[in-house]
């Protein structure tokens, strides 16, 4: 296994996880590490301690594919820490090209995952529709405002990590819904060890529990699960549509006004309603770049051992 390649895939997953509306799980699927990731995490259970006692640390490390996990999560953490400021800046200063890129990324990812569904039966299409409805309902939920307490930081980590490993559901977006996105991003930017430690602890707990369920579903009901996951991705597309009108605002933890409720517009409506350029040509270019990137990653993944 090429750990440098795995590390780079982790970088891509981390960059996606920083953006509300884009899932690192989607990148894991595109790059071909999703099943390996779930299986490696699933093997971290109480039986691992017995193996450790019997055969030693090296055997336990090999059992969970430890090198793979270290390389992948090393890339994710490196990306989140290093790219948090850049992604936040891009979303604030160049929103239309940035959202266009991620819109194209999700759109082609839908094609990529749906192609893996072997039997296109009525039940599969029903699962896809159910996934669309579920994801869309999440995007229209009014954001909550959780207190920034130690318990809520743990809960936020456990909930967000479950979303992060689901293609289509963004962990960052879930944090946004429960009012914890800005405090966590600020903690990442300023490297607040106590907050990040609690958040990571919550992530570990949620990941160990949820990965077992998801791995079992993919092993026993793969087509149905993939159809539902594809629906999740389709259902989140309206959330990352580049052209929006802000209907109401909220005050974040820094006293800044940030969008609360937004309405999607066509590029032409956007210009007339907001009196701002729609940047349609640039938006299309960035969507095409995202599609080309995914197809390139897919082609690369098919030629190299994961």
C-alpha atoms as a PDB file:
ATOM      1  CA  UNK A   1       0.000   0.000   0.000  1.00  0.00           C
ATOM      2  CA  UNK A   2       1.274   3.466  -0.928  1.00  0.00           C
ATOM      3  CA  UNK A   3       0.982   5.465   2.295  1.00  0.00           C
ATOM      4  CA  UNK A   4       1.920   8.734   0.573  1.00  0.00           C
ATOM      5  CA  UNK A   5      -1.050   8.318  -1.771  1.00  0.00           C
ATOM      6  CA  UNK A   6      -3.270   7.456   1.195  1.00  0.00           C
ATOM      7  CA  UNK A   7      -2.039  10.579   3.021  1.00  0.00           C
ATOM      8  CA  UNK A   8      -2.922  12.728  -0.009  1.00  0.00           C
ATOM      9  CA  UNK A   9      -6.401  11.185  -0.101  1.00  0.00           C
ATOM     10  CA  UNK A  10      -6.730  12.127   3.567  1.00  0.00           C
ATOM     11  CA  UNK A  11      -5.756  15.701   2.636  1.00  0.00           C
ATOM     12  CA  UNK A  12      -8.601  15.762   0.102  1.00  0.00           C
ATOM     13  CA  UNK A  13     -11.068  14.320   2.645  1.00  0.00           C
ATOM     14  CA  UNK A  14     -10.064  16.898   5.253  1.00  0.00           C
ATOM     15  CA  UNK A  15     -10.479  19.771   2.805  1.00  0.00           C
ATOM     16  CA  UNK A  16     -13.990  18.559   1.980  1.00  0.00           C
ATOM     17  CA  UNK A  17     -14.916  18.140   5.649  1.00  0.00           C
ATOM     18  CA  UNK A  18     -14.129  21.801   6.360  1.00  0.00           C
ATOM     19  CA  UNK A  19     -16.861  22.963   3.949  1.00  0.00           C
ATOM     20  CA  UNK A  20     -20.508  22.943   5.145  1.00  0.00           C
ATOM     21  CA  UNK A  21     -22.392  20.846   2.567  1.00  0.00           C
ATOM     22  CA  UNK A  22     -19.514  18.660   1.350  1.00  0.00           C
ATOM     23  CA  UNK A  23     -18.624  15.304   2.901  1.00  0.00           C
ATOM     24  CA  UNK A  24     -15.222  13.718   3.342  1.00  0.00           C
ATOM     25  CA  UNK A  25     -17.014  10.395   2.913  1.00  0.00           C
ATOM     26  CA  UNK A  26     -17.744  11.414  -0.674  1.00  0.00           C
ATOM     27  CA  UNK A  27     -14.022  11.872  -1.335  1.00  0.00           C
ATOM     28  CA  UNK A  28     -13.304   8.515   0.319  1.00  0.00           C
ATOM     29  CA  UNK A  29     -15.736   6.858  -2.088  1.00  0.00           C
ATOM     30  CA  UNK A  30     -14.274   8.617  -5.117  1.00  0.00           C
ATOM     31  CA  UNK A  31     -10.702   7.677  -4.238  1.00  0.00           C
ATOM     32  CA  UNK A  32     -11.556   4.056  -3.431  1.00  0.00           C
ATOM     33  CA  UNK A  33     -10.665   3.976   0.269  1.00  0.00           C
ATOM     34  CA  UNK A  34     -14.191   3.928   1.718  1.00  0.00           C
ATOM     35  CA  UNK A  35     -14.608   0.188   2.261  1.00  0.00           C
ATOM     36  CA  UNK A  36     -11.051  -0.164   3.574  1.00  0.00           C
ATOM     37  CA  UNK A  37     -11.654   2.702   6.003  1.00  0.00           C
ATOM     38  CA  UNK A  38     -14.867   1.239   7.398  1.00  0.00           C
ATOM     39  CA  UNK A  39     -13.421  -2.255   7.722  1.00  0.00           C
ATOM     40  CA  UNK A  40     -10.293  -0.960   9.478  1.00  0.00           C
ATOM     41  CA  UNK A  41     -12.333   1.046  11.969  1.00  0.00           C
ATOM     42  CA  UNK A  42     -14.758  -1.857  12.489  1.00  0.00           C
ATOM     43  CA  UNK A  43     -11.872  -4.036  13.650  1.00  0.00           C
ATOM     44  CA  UNK A  44     -11.181  -1.682  16.571  1.00  0.00           C
ATOM     45  CA  UNK A  45     -13.269  -3.477  19.197  1.00  0.00           C
ATOM     46  CA  UNK A  46     -12.775  -5.329  22.519  1.00  0.00           C
ATOM     47  CA  UNK A  47     -11.486  -8.425  20.685  1.00  0.00           C
ATOM     48  CA  UNK A  48      -8.498  -6.369  19.572  1.00  0.00           C
ATOM     49  CA  UNK A  49      -7.235  -6.395  23.181  1.00  0.00           C
ATOM     50  CA  UNK A  50      -7.273 -10.211  23.229  1.00  0.00           C
ATOM     51  CA  UNK A  51      -5.284 -10.298  20.001  1.00  0.00           C
ATOM     52  CA  UNK A  52      -2.819  -7.812  21.508  1.00  0.00           C
ATOM     53  CA  UNK A  53      -2.279  -9.998  24.578  1.00  0.00           C
ATOM     54  CA  UNK A  54      -1.857 -13.191  22.534  1.00  0.00           C
ATOM     55  CA  UNK A  55       0.267 -12.015  19.599  1.00  0.00           C
ATOM     56  CA  UNK A  56       1.566  -8.588  20.572  1.00  0.00           C
ATOM     57  CA  UNK A  57       1.218  -5.019  19.380  1.00  0.00           C
ATOM     58  CA  UNK A  58       2.517  -5.653  15.844  1.00  0.00           C
ATOM     59  CA  UNK A  59      -0.180  -8.253  15.137  1.00  0.00           C
ATOM     60  CA  UNK A  60      -2.917  -5.978  16.502  1.00  0.00           C
ATOM     61  CA  UNK A  61      -1.575  -3.072  14.455  1.00  0.00           C
ATOM     62  CA  UNK A  62      -1.640  -5.163  11.266  1.00  0.00           C
ATOM     63  CA  UNK A  63      -5.136  -6.450  12.105  1.00  0.00           C
ATOM     64  CA  UNK A  64      -6.627  -2.948  12.078  1.00  0.00           C
ATOM     65  CA  UNK A  65      -4.524  -1.852   9.091  1.00  0.00           C
ATOM     66  CA  UNK A  66      -2.854   0.687  11.358  1.00  0.00           C
ATOM     67  CA  UNK A  67      -0.494   2.120   8.757  1.00  0.00           C
ATOM     68  CA  UNK A  68      -3.427   2.922   6.489  1.00  0.00           C
ATOM     69  CA  UNK A  69      -5.388   4.595   9.316  1.00  0.00           C
ATOM     70  CA  UNK A  70      -2.415   6.684  10.450  1.00  0.00           C
ATOM     71  CA  UNK A  71      -1.673   7.848   6.891  1.00  0.00           C
ATOM     72  CA  UNK A  72      -5.330   8.660   6.102  1.00  0.00           C
ATOM     73  CA  UNK A  73      -6.202  10.418   9.368  1.00  0.00           C
ATOM     74  CA  UNK A  74      -2.836  12.152   9.333  1.00  0.00           C
ATOM     75  CA  UNK A  75      -3.808  13.659   5.996  1.00  0.00           C
ATOM     76  CA  UNK A  76      -7.282  14.591   7.249  1.00  0.00           C
ATOM     77  CA  UNK A  77      -5.959  16.333  10.371  1.00  0.00           C
ATOM     78  CA  UNK A  78      -3.179  18.084   8.445  1.00  0.00           C
ATOM     79  CA  UNK A  79      -5.687  19.337   5.896  1.00  0.00           C
ATOM     80  CA  UNK A  80      -8.219  20.581   8.452  1.00  0.00           C
ATOM     81  CA  UNK A  81      -5.584  22.442  10.458  1.00  0.00           C
ATOM     82  CA  UNK A  82      -3.843  23.955   7.432  1.00  0.00           C
ATOM     83  CA  UNK A  83      -6.817  24.615   5.148  1.00  0.00           C
ATOM     84  CA  UNK A  84      -9.451  25.835   7.635  1.00  0.00           C
ATOM     85  CA  UNK A  85      -8.405  29.472   7.225  1.00  0.00           C
ATOM     86  CA  UNK A  86      -8.075  29.192   3.427  1.00  0.00           C
ATOM     87  CA  UNK A  87     -11.488  27.557   2.922  1.00  0.00           C
ATOM     88  CA  UNK A  88     -13.171  30.086   5.233  1.00  0.00           C
ATOM     89  CA  UNK A  89     -11.510  32.926   3.295  1.00  0.00           C
ATOM     90  CA  UNK A  90     -12.562  31.509  -0.080  1.00  0.00           C
ATOM     91  CA  UNK A  91     -16.174  31.052   1.018  1.00  0.00           C
ATOM     92  CA  UNK A  92     -16.253  34.636   2.270  1.00  0.00           C
ATOM     93  CA  UNK A  93     -14.425  36.403  -0.560  1.00  0.00           C
ATOM     94  CA  UNK A  94     -15.113  34.172  -3.599  1.00  0.00           C
ATOM     95  CA  UNK A  95     -18.354  32.331  -2.755  1.00  0.00           C
ATOM     96  CA  UNK A  96     -19.696  31.650  -6.264  1.00  0.00           C
ATOM     97  CA  UNK A  97     -16.542  29.998  -7.742  1.00  0.00           C
ATOM     98  CA  UNK A  98     -15.952  28.072  -4.501  1.00  0.00           C
ATOM     99  CA  UNK A  99     -19.513  26.745  -4.202  1.00  0.00           C
ATOM    100  CA  UNK A 100     -19.534  26.014  -7.958  1.00  0.00           C
ATOM    101  CA  UNK A 101     -16.476  23.815  -7.554  1.00  0.00           C
ATOM    102  CA  UNK A 102     -18.085  21.837  -4.724  1.00  0.00           C
ATOM    103  CA  UNK A 103     -21.399  21.633  -6.607  1.00  0.00           C
ATOM    104  CA  UNK A 104     -19.621  20.035  -9.565  1.00  0.00           C
ATOM    105  CA  UNK A 105     -17.777  17.744  -7.153  1.00  0.00           C
ATOM    106  CA  UNK A 106     -21.003  16.410  -5.628  1.00  0.00           C
ATOM    107  CA  UNK A 107     -22.782  16.177  -8.990  1.00  0.00           C
ATOM    108  CA  UNK A 108     -20.154  13.925 -10.575  1.00  0.00           C
ATOM    109  CA  UNK A 109     -19.840  11.949  -7.347  1.00  0.00           C
ATOM    110  CA  UNK A 110     -23.521  11.034  -7.633  1.00  0.00           C
ATOM    111  CA  UNK A 111     -22.788   9.548 -11.045  1.00  0.00           C
ATOM    112  CA  UNK A 112     -19.728   7.751  -9.677  1.00  0.00           C
ATOM    113  CA  UNK A 113     -21.563   6.066  -6.791  1.00  0.00           C
ATOM    114  CA  UNK A 114     -24.818   5.340  -8.635  1.00  0.00           C
ATOM    115  CA  UNK A 115     -22.796   3.482 -11.256  1.00  0.00           C
ATOM    116  CA  UNK A 116     -21.743   1.026  -8.537  1.00  0.00           C
ATOM    117  CA  UNK A 117     -25.360  -0.016  -7.867  1.00  0.00           C
ATOM    118  CA  UNK A 118     -25.596  -3.336  -9.695  1.00  0.00           C
ATOM    119  CA  UNK A 119     -29.374  -3.808  -9.811  1.00  0.00           C
ATOM    120  CA  UNK A 120     -31.443  -0.716 -10.717  1.00  0.00           C
ATOM    121  CA  UNK A 121     -34.706  -2.103  -9.308  1.00  0.00           C
ATOM    122  CA  UNK A 122     -37.756  -0.265  -7.946  1.00  0.00           C
ATOM    123  CA  UNK A 123     -36.600  -0.821  -4.356  1.00  0.00           C
ATOM    124  CA  UNK A 124     -33.254   0.822  -5.145  1.00  0.00           C
ATOM    125  CA  UNK A 125     -34.912   3.866  -6.690  1.00  0.00           C
ATOM    126  CA  UNK A 126     -37.209   4.094  -3.649  1.00  0.00           C
ATOM    127  CA  UNK A 127     -34.172   4.088  -1.371  1.00  0.00           C
ATOM    128  CA  UNK A 128     -32.601   6.798  -3.507  1.00  0.00           C
ATOM    129  CA  UNK A 129     -35.775   8.915  -3.209  1.00  0.00           C
ATOM    130  CA  UNK A 130     -35.822   8.328   0.547  1.00  0.00           C
ATOM    131  CA  UNK A 131     -32.221   9.516   0.775  1.00  0.00           C
ATOM    132  CA  UNK A 132     -33.053  12.657  -1.226  1.00  0.00           C
ATOM    133  CA  UNK A 133     -36.009  13.440   1.051  1.00  0.00           C
ATOM    134  CA  UNK A 134     -33.985  12.848   4.223  1.00  0.00           C
ATOM    135  CA  UNK A 135     -31.023  14.977   3.138  1.00  0.00           C
ATOM    136  CA  UNK A 136     -33.192  17.797   1.813  1.00  0.00           C
ATOM    137  CA  UNK A 137     -35.210  17.901   5.033  1.00  0.00           C
ATOM    138  CA  UNK A 138     -31.949  18.367   6.951  1.00  0.00           C
ATOM    139  CA  UNK A 139     -30.928  21.293   4.730  1.00  0.00           C
ATOM    140  CA  UNK A 140     -34.147  23.219   5.485  1.00  0.00           C
ATOM    141  CA  UNK A 141     -34.044  22.712   9.253  1.00  0.00           C
ATOM    142  CA  UNK A 142     -33.605  25.962  11.140  1.00  0.00           C
ATOM    143  CA  UNK A 143     -30.156  26.039  12.796  1.00  0.00           C
ATOM    144  CA  UNK A 144     -30.128  25.470  16.552  1.00  0.00           C
ATOM    145  CA  UNK A 145     -27.962  27.201  19.108  1.00  0.00           C
ATOM    146  CA  UNK A 146     -26.257  24.769  21.496  1.00  0.00           C
ATOM    147  CA  UNK A 147     -24.325  26.117  24.458  1.00  0.00           C
ATOM    148  CA  UNK A 148     -20.559  25.726  24.093  1.00  0.00           C
ATOM    149  CA  UNK A 149     -20.135  23.295  26.996  1.00  0.00           C
ATOM    150  CA  UNK A 150     -17.817  20.303  27.388  1.00  0.00           C
ATOM    151  CA  UNK A 151     -20.707  17.830  27.031  1.00  0.00           C
ATOM    152  CA  UNK A 152     -22.016  19.554  23.904  1.00  0.00           C
ATOM    153  CA  UNK A 153     -18.522  19.557  22.371  1.00  0.00           C
ATOM    154  CA  UNK A 154     -18.358  15.767  22.909  1.00  0.00           C
ATOM    155  CA  UNK A 155     -21.853  15.302  21.433  1.00  0.00           C
ATOM    156  CA  UNK A 156     -21.015  17.550  18.482  1.00  0.00           C
ATOM    157  CA  UNK A 157     -17.944  15.467  17.706  1.00  0.00           C
ATOM    158  CA  UNK A 158     -19.808  12.153  17.862  1.00  0.00           C
ATOM    159  CA  UNK A 159     -22.657  13.418  15.661  1.00  0.00           C
ATOM    160  CA  UNK A 160     -20.455  15.227  13.152  1.00  0.00           C
ATOM    161  CA  UNK A 161     -18.100  12.289  12.602  1.00  0.00           C
ATOM    162  CA  UNK A 162     -21.053  10.034  11.733  1.00  0.00           C
ATOM    163  CA  UNK A 163     -22.057  12.534   9.075  1.00  0.00           C
ATOM    164  CA  UNK A 164     -18.484  12.944   7.867  1.00  0.00           C
ATOM    165  CA  UNK A 165     -18.176   9.280   6.899  1.00  0.00           C
ATOM    166  CA  UNK A 166     -21.530   9.297   5.095  1.00  0.00           C
ATOM    167  CA  UNK A 167     -21.190  10.354   1.451  1.00  0.00           C
ATOM    168  CA  UNK A 168     -23.473  13.321   0.912  1.00  0.00           C
ATOM    169  CA  UNK A 169     -24.001  14.383   4.520  1.00  0.00           C
ATOM    170  CA  UNK A 170     -21.458  16.947   5.623  1.00  0.00           C
ATOM    171  CA  UNK A 171     -20.155  16.858   9.160  1.00  0.00           C
ATOM    172  CA  UNK A 172     -19.473  20.586   8.900  1.00  0.00           C
ATOM    173  CA  UNK A 173     -23.083  21.177   7.872  1.00  0.00           C
ATOM    174  CA  UNK A 174     -24.345  19.182  10.856  1.00  0.00           C
ATOM    175  CA  UNK A 175     -22.146  21.335  13.096  1.00  0.00           C
ATOM    176  CA  UNK A 176     -23.692  24.385  11.433  1.00  0.00           C
ATOM    177  CA  UNK A 177     -27.206  23.088  12.147  1.00  0.00           C
ATOM    178  CA  UNK A 178     -26.514  22.594  15.845  1.00  0.00           C
ATOM    179  CA  UNK A 179     -24.733  25.937  16.156  1.00  0.00           C
ATOM    180  CA  UNK A 180     -21.261  24.491  16.785  1.00  0.00           C
ATOM    181  CA  UNK A 181     -19.528  25.129  13.440  1.00  0.00           C
ATOM    182  CA  UNK A 182     -18.068  28.555  14.183  1.00  0.00           C
ATOM    183  CA  UNK A 183     -16.762  27.698  17.699  1.00  0.00           C
ATOM    184  CA  UNK A 184     -15.114  24.489  16.439  1.00  0.00           C
ATOM    185  CA  UNK A 185     -13.558  26.183  13.388  1.00  0.00           C
ATOM    186  CA  UNK A 186     -12.286  28.968  15.645  1.00  0.00           C
ATOM    187  CA  UNK A 187     -10.778  26.347  17.953  1.00  0.00           C
ATOM    188  CA  UNK A 188      -9.024  24.761  14.961  1.00  0.00           C
ATOM    189  CA  UNK A 189      -7.681  28.106  13.758  1.00  0.00           C
ATOM    190  CA  UNK A 190      -6.347  29.051  17.196  1.00  0.00           C
ATOM    191  CA  UNK A 191      -5.324  25.486  18.142  1.00  0.00           C
ATOM    192  CA  UNK A 192      -7.320  25.407  21.411  1.00  0.00           C
ATOM    193  CA  UNK A 193      -6.098  22.092  22.782  1.00  0.00           C
ATOM    194  CA  UNK A 194      -8.810  21.535  25.409  1.00  0.00           C
ATOM    195  CA  UNK A 195     -11.675  22.108  22.962  1.00  0.00           C
ATOM    196  CA  UNK A 196     -10.067  20.064  20.176  1.00  0.00           C
ATOM    197  CA  UNK A 197      -9.296  17.225  22.613  1.00  0.00           C
ATOM    198  CA  UNK A 198     -12.940  16.943  23.668  1.00  0.00           C
ATOM    199  CA  UNK A 199     -14.123  17.180  20.077  1.00  0.00           C
ATOM    200  CA  UNK A 200     -11.711  14.460  18.910  1.00  0.00           C
ATOM    201  CA  UNK A 201     -12.782  12.232  21.817  1.00  0.00           C
ATOM    202  CA  UNK A 202     -16.391  12.589  20.714  1.00  0.00           C
ATOM    203  CA  UNK A 203     -15.379  11.852  17.125  1.00  0.00           C
ATOM    204  CA  UNK A 204     -13.589   8.653  18.150  1.00  0.00           C
ATOM    205  CA  UNK A 205     -16.585   7.412  20.156  1.00  0.00           C
ATOM    206  CA  UNK A 206     -19.055   8.165  17.361  1.00  0.00           C
ATOM    207  CA  UNK A 207     -16.810   6.696  14.682  1.00  0.00           C
ATOM    208  CA  UNK A 208     -16.261   3.387  16.496  1.00  0.00           C
ATOM    209  CA  UNK A 209     -20.001   2.918  17.040  1.00  0.00           C
ATOM    210  CA  UNK A 210     -21.348   4.060  13.685  1.00  0.00           C
ATOM    211  CA  UNK A 211     -18.723   2.401  11.479  1.00  0.00           C
ATOM    212  CA  UNK A 212     -19.859  -1.064  12.626  1.00  0.00           C
ATOM    213  CA  UNK A 213     -23.432  -0.380  11.506  1.00  0.00           C
ATOM    214  CA  UNK A 214     -22.448   1.146   8.174  1.00  0.00           C
ATOM    215  CA  UNK A 215     -19.944  -1.618   7.410  1.00  0.00           C
ATOM    216  CA  UNK A 216     -22.597  -4.260   8.124  1.00  0.00           C
ATOM    217  CA  UNK A 217     -25.108  -2.518   5.841  1.00  0.00           C
ATOM    218  CA  UNK A 218     -22.616  -2.298   2.980  1.00  0.00           C
ATOM    219  CA  UNK A 219     -21.647  -5.964   3.394  1.00  0.00           C
ATOM    220  CA  UNK A 220     -25.233  -7.277   3.521  1.00  0.00           C
ATOM    221  CA  UNK A 221     -27.320  -4.700   1.619  1.00  0.00           C
ATOM    222  CA  UNK A 222     -24.778  -2.932  -0.565  1.00  0.00           C
ATOM    223  CA  UNK A 223     -27.046  -1.870  -3.446  1.00  0.00           C
ATOM    224  CA  UNK A 224     -29.766  -0.567  -1.130  1.00  0.00           C
ATOM    225  CA  UNK A 225     -27.239   1.291   1.021  1.00  0.00           C
ATOM    226  CA  UNK A 226     -25.456   2.817  -1.978  1.00  0.00           C
ATOM    227  CA  UNK A 227     -28.806   3.934  -3.419  1.00  0.00           C
ATOM    228  CA  UNK A 228     -29.698   5.648  -0.144  1.00  0.00           C
ATOM    229  CA  UNK A 229     -26.252   7.282   0.071  1.00  0.00           C
ATOM    230  CA  UNK A 230     -26.624   8.538  -3.509  1.00  0.00           C
ATOM    231  CA  UNK A 231     -29.952  10.062  -2.504  1.00  0.00           C
ATOM    232  CA  UNK A 232     -28.246  11.801   0.407  1.00  0.00           C
ATOM    233  CA  UNK A 233     -25.817  13.419  -2.001  1.00  0.00           C
ATOM    234  CA  UNK A 234     -28.566  14.530  -4.385  1.00  0.00           C
ATOM    235  CA  UNK A 235     -30.580  15.932  -1.511  1.00  0.00           C
ATOM    236  CA  UNK A 236     -27.755  18.202  -0.378  1.00  0.00           C
ATOM    237  CA  UNK A 237     -27.194  19.785  -3.811  1.00  0.00           C
ATOM    238  CA  UNK A 238     -29.644  22.668  -3.137  1.00  0.00           C
ATOM    239  CA  UNK A 239     -27.616  23.569  -0.046  1.00  0.00           C
ATOM    240  CA  UNK A 240     -24.439  24.185  -2.064  1.00  0.00           C
ATOM    241  CA  UNK A 241     -26.100  25.888  -5.063  1.00  0.00           C
ATOM    242  CA  UNK A 242     -23.796  28.871  -5.782  1.00  0.00           C
ATOM    243  CA  UNK A 243     -26.418  31.589  -6.343  1.00  0.00           C
ATOM    244  CA  UNK A 244     -28.412  32.493  -3.242  1.00  0.00           C
ATOM    245  CA  UNK A 245     -30.397  35.356  -1.783  1.00  0.00           C
ATOM    246  CA  UNK A 246     -30.047  35.807   1.966  1.00  0.00           C
ATOM    247  CA  UNK A 247     -33.486  36.234   3.559  1.00  0.00           C
ATOM    248  CA  UNK A 248     -32.437  36.561   7.194  1.00  0.00           C
ATOM    249  CA  UNK A 249     -29.261  36.846   9.228  1.00  0.00           C
ATOM    250  CA  UNK A 250     -28.014  35.677  12.608  1.00  0.00           C
ATOM    251  CA  UNK A 251     -25.295  36.887  14.946  1.00  0.00           C
ATOM    252  CA  UNK A 252     -22.465  34.414  15.485  1.00  0.00           C
ATOM    253  CA  UNK A 253     -20.292  33.987  18.575  1.00  0.00           C
ATOM    254  CA  UNK A 254     -18.093  36.929  17.469  1.00  0.00           C
ATOM    255  CA  UNK A 255     -21.011  39.322  17.074  1.00  0.00           C
ATOM    256  CA  UNK A 256     -20.775  39.113  13.267  1.00  0.00           C
ATOM    257  CA  UNK A 257     -23.805  38.939  10.974  1.00  0.00           C
ATOM    258  CA  UNK A 258     -23.891  35.677   9.008  1.00  0.00           C
ATOM    259  CA  UNK A 259     -26.636  34.217   6.750  1.00  0.00           C
ATOM    260  CA  UNK A 260     -29.418  32.240   8.490  1.00  0.00           C
ATOM    261  CA  UNK A 261     -32.064  31.578   5.809  1.00  0.00           C
ATOM    262  CA  UNK A 262     -31.192  31.646   2.120  1.00  0.00           C
ATOM    263  CA  UNK A 263     -33.163  31.191  -1.094  1.00  0.00           C
ATOM    264  CA  UNK A 264     -31.733  29.675  -4.285  1.00  0.00           C
ATOM    265  CA  UNK A 265     -31.812  31.809  -7.415  1.00  0.00           C
ATOM    266  CA  UNK A 266     -30.964  31.256 -11.062  1.00  0.00           C
ATOM    267  CA  UNK A 267     -27.766  33.044 -12.181  1.00  0.00           C
ATOM    268  CA  UNK A 268     -29.889  35.621 -14.052  1.00  0.00           C
ATOM    269  CA  UNK A 269     -32.208  36.200 -11.078  1.00  0.00           C
ATOM    270  CA  UNK A 270     -29.126  36.582  -8.884  1.00  0.00           C
ATOM    271  CA  UNK A 271     -27.890  39.553 -10.903  1.00  0.00           C
ATOM    272  CA  UNK A 272     -31.261  41.327 -10.863  1.00  0.00           C
ATOM    273  CA  UNK A 273     -32.027  40.620  -7.193  1.00  0.00           C
ATOM    274  CA  UNK A 274     -28.609  41.238  -5.637  1.00  0.00           C
ATOM    275  CA  UNK A 275     -27.116  43.647  -8.225  1.00  0.00           C
ATOM    276  CA  UNK A 276     -23.956  41.516  -8.121  1.00  0.00           C
ATOM    277  CA  UNK A 277     -22.323  39.732 -11.086  1.00  0.00           C
ATOM    278  CA  UNK A 278     -23.358  36.089 -11.402  1.00  0.00           C
ATOM    279  CA  UNK A 279     -19.904  35.081 -12.671  1.00  0.00           C
ATOM    280  CA  UNK A 280     -21.593  32.376 -14.746  1.00  0.00           C
ATOM    281  CA  UNK A 281     -18.583  31.656 -16.946  1.00  0.00           C
ATOM    282  CA  UNK A 282     -16.244  31.281 -13.962  1.00  0.00           C
ATOM    283  CA  UNK A 283     -18.822  29.144 -12.149  1.00  0.00           C
ATOM    284  CA  UNK A 284     -19.143  26.757 -15.094  1.00  0.00           C
ATOM    285  CA  UNK A 285     -15.355  26.577 -15.395  1.00  0.00           C
ATOM    286  CA  UNK A 286     -14.978  25.607 -11.726  1.00  0.00           C
ATOM    287  CA  UNK A 287     -17.766  23.001 -12.017  1.00  0.00           C
ATOM    288  CA  UNK A 288     -16.000  21.480 -15.023  1.00  0.00           C
ATOM    289  CA  UNK A 289     -12.698  21.488 -13.108  1.00  0.00           C
ATOM    290  CA  UNK A 290     -14.352  19.620 -10.234  1.00  0.00           C
ATOM    291  CA  UNK A 291     -15.829  17.039 -12.601  1.00  0.00           C
ATOM    292  CA  UNK A 292     -12.462  16.575 -14.324  1.00  0.00           C
ATOM    293  CA  UNK A 293     -10.776  16.196 -10.926  1.00  0.00           C
ATOM    294  CA  UNK A 294     -13.167  13.445  -9.816  1.00  0.00           C
ATOM    295  CA  UNK A 295     -12.892  11.554 -13.099  1.00  0.00           C
ATOM    296  CA  UNK A 296      -9.115  11.866 -12.878  1.00  0.00           C
ATOM    297  CA  UNK A 297      -9.099  10.567  -9.287  1.00  0.00           C
ATOM    298  CA  UNK A 298     -11.325   7.679 -10.315  1.00  0.00           C
ATOM    299  CA  UNK A 299      -9.020   6.767 -13.193  1.00  0.00           C
ATOM    300  CA  UNK A 300      -5.976   7.045 -10.930  1.00  0.00           C
ATOM    301  CA  UNK A 301      -7.603   4.921  -8.222  1.00  0.00           C
ATOM    302  CA  UNK A 302      -8.409   2.182 -10.755  1.00  0.00           C
ATOM    303  CA  UNK A 303      -4.742   1.919 -11.716  1.00  0.00           C
ATOM    304  CA  UNK A 304      -3.191   1.880  -8.244  1.00  0.00           C
ATOM    305  CA  UNK A 305      -3.478  -0.395  -5.266  1.00  0.00           C
ATOM    306  CA  UNK A 306      -5.482   1.243  -2.507  1.00  0.00           C
END
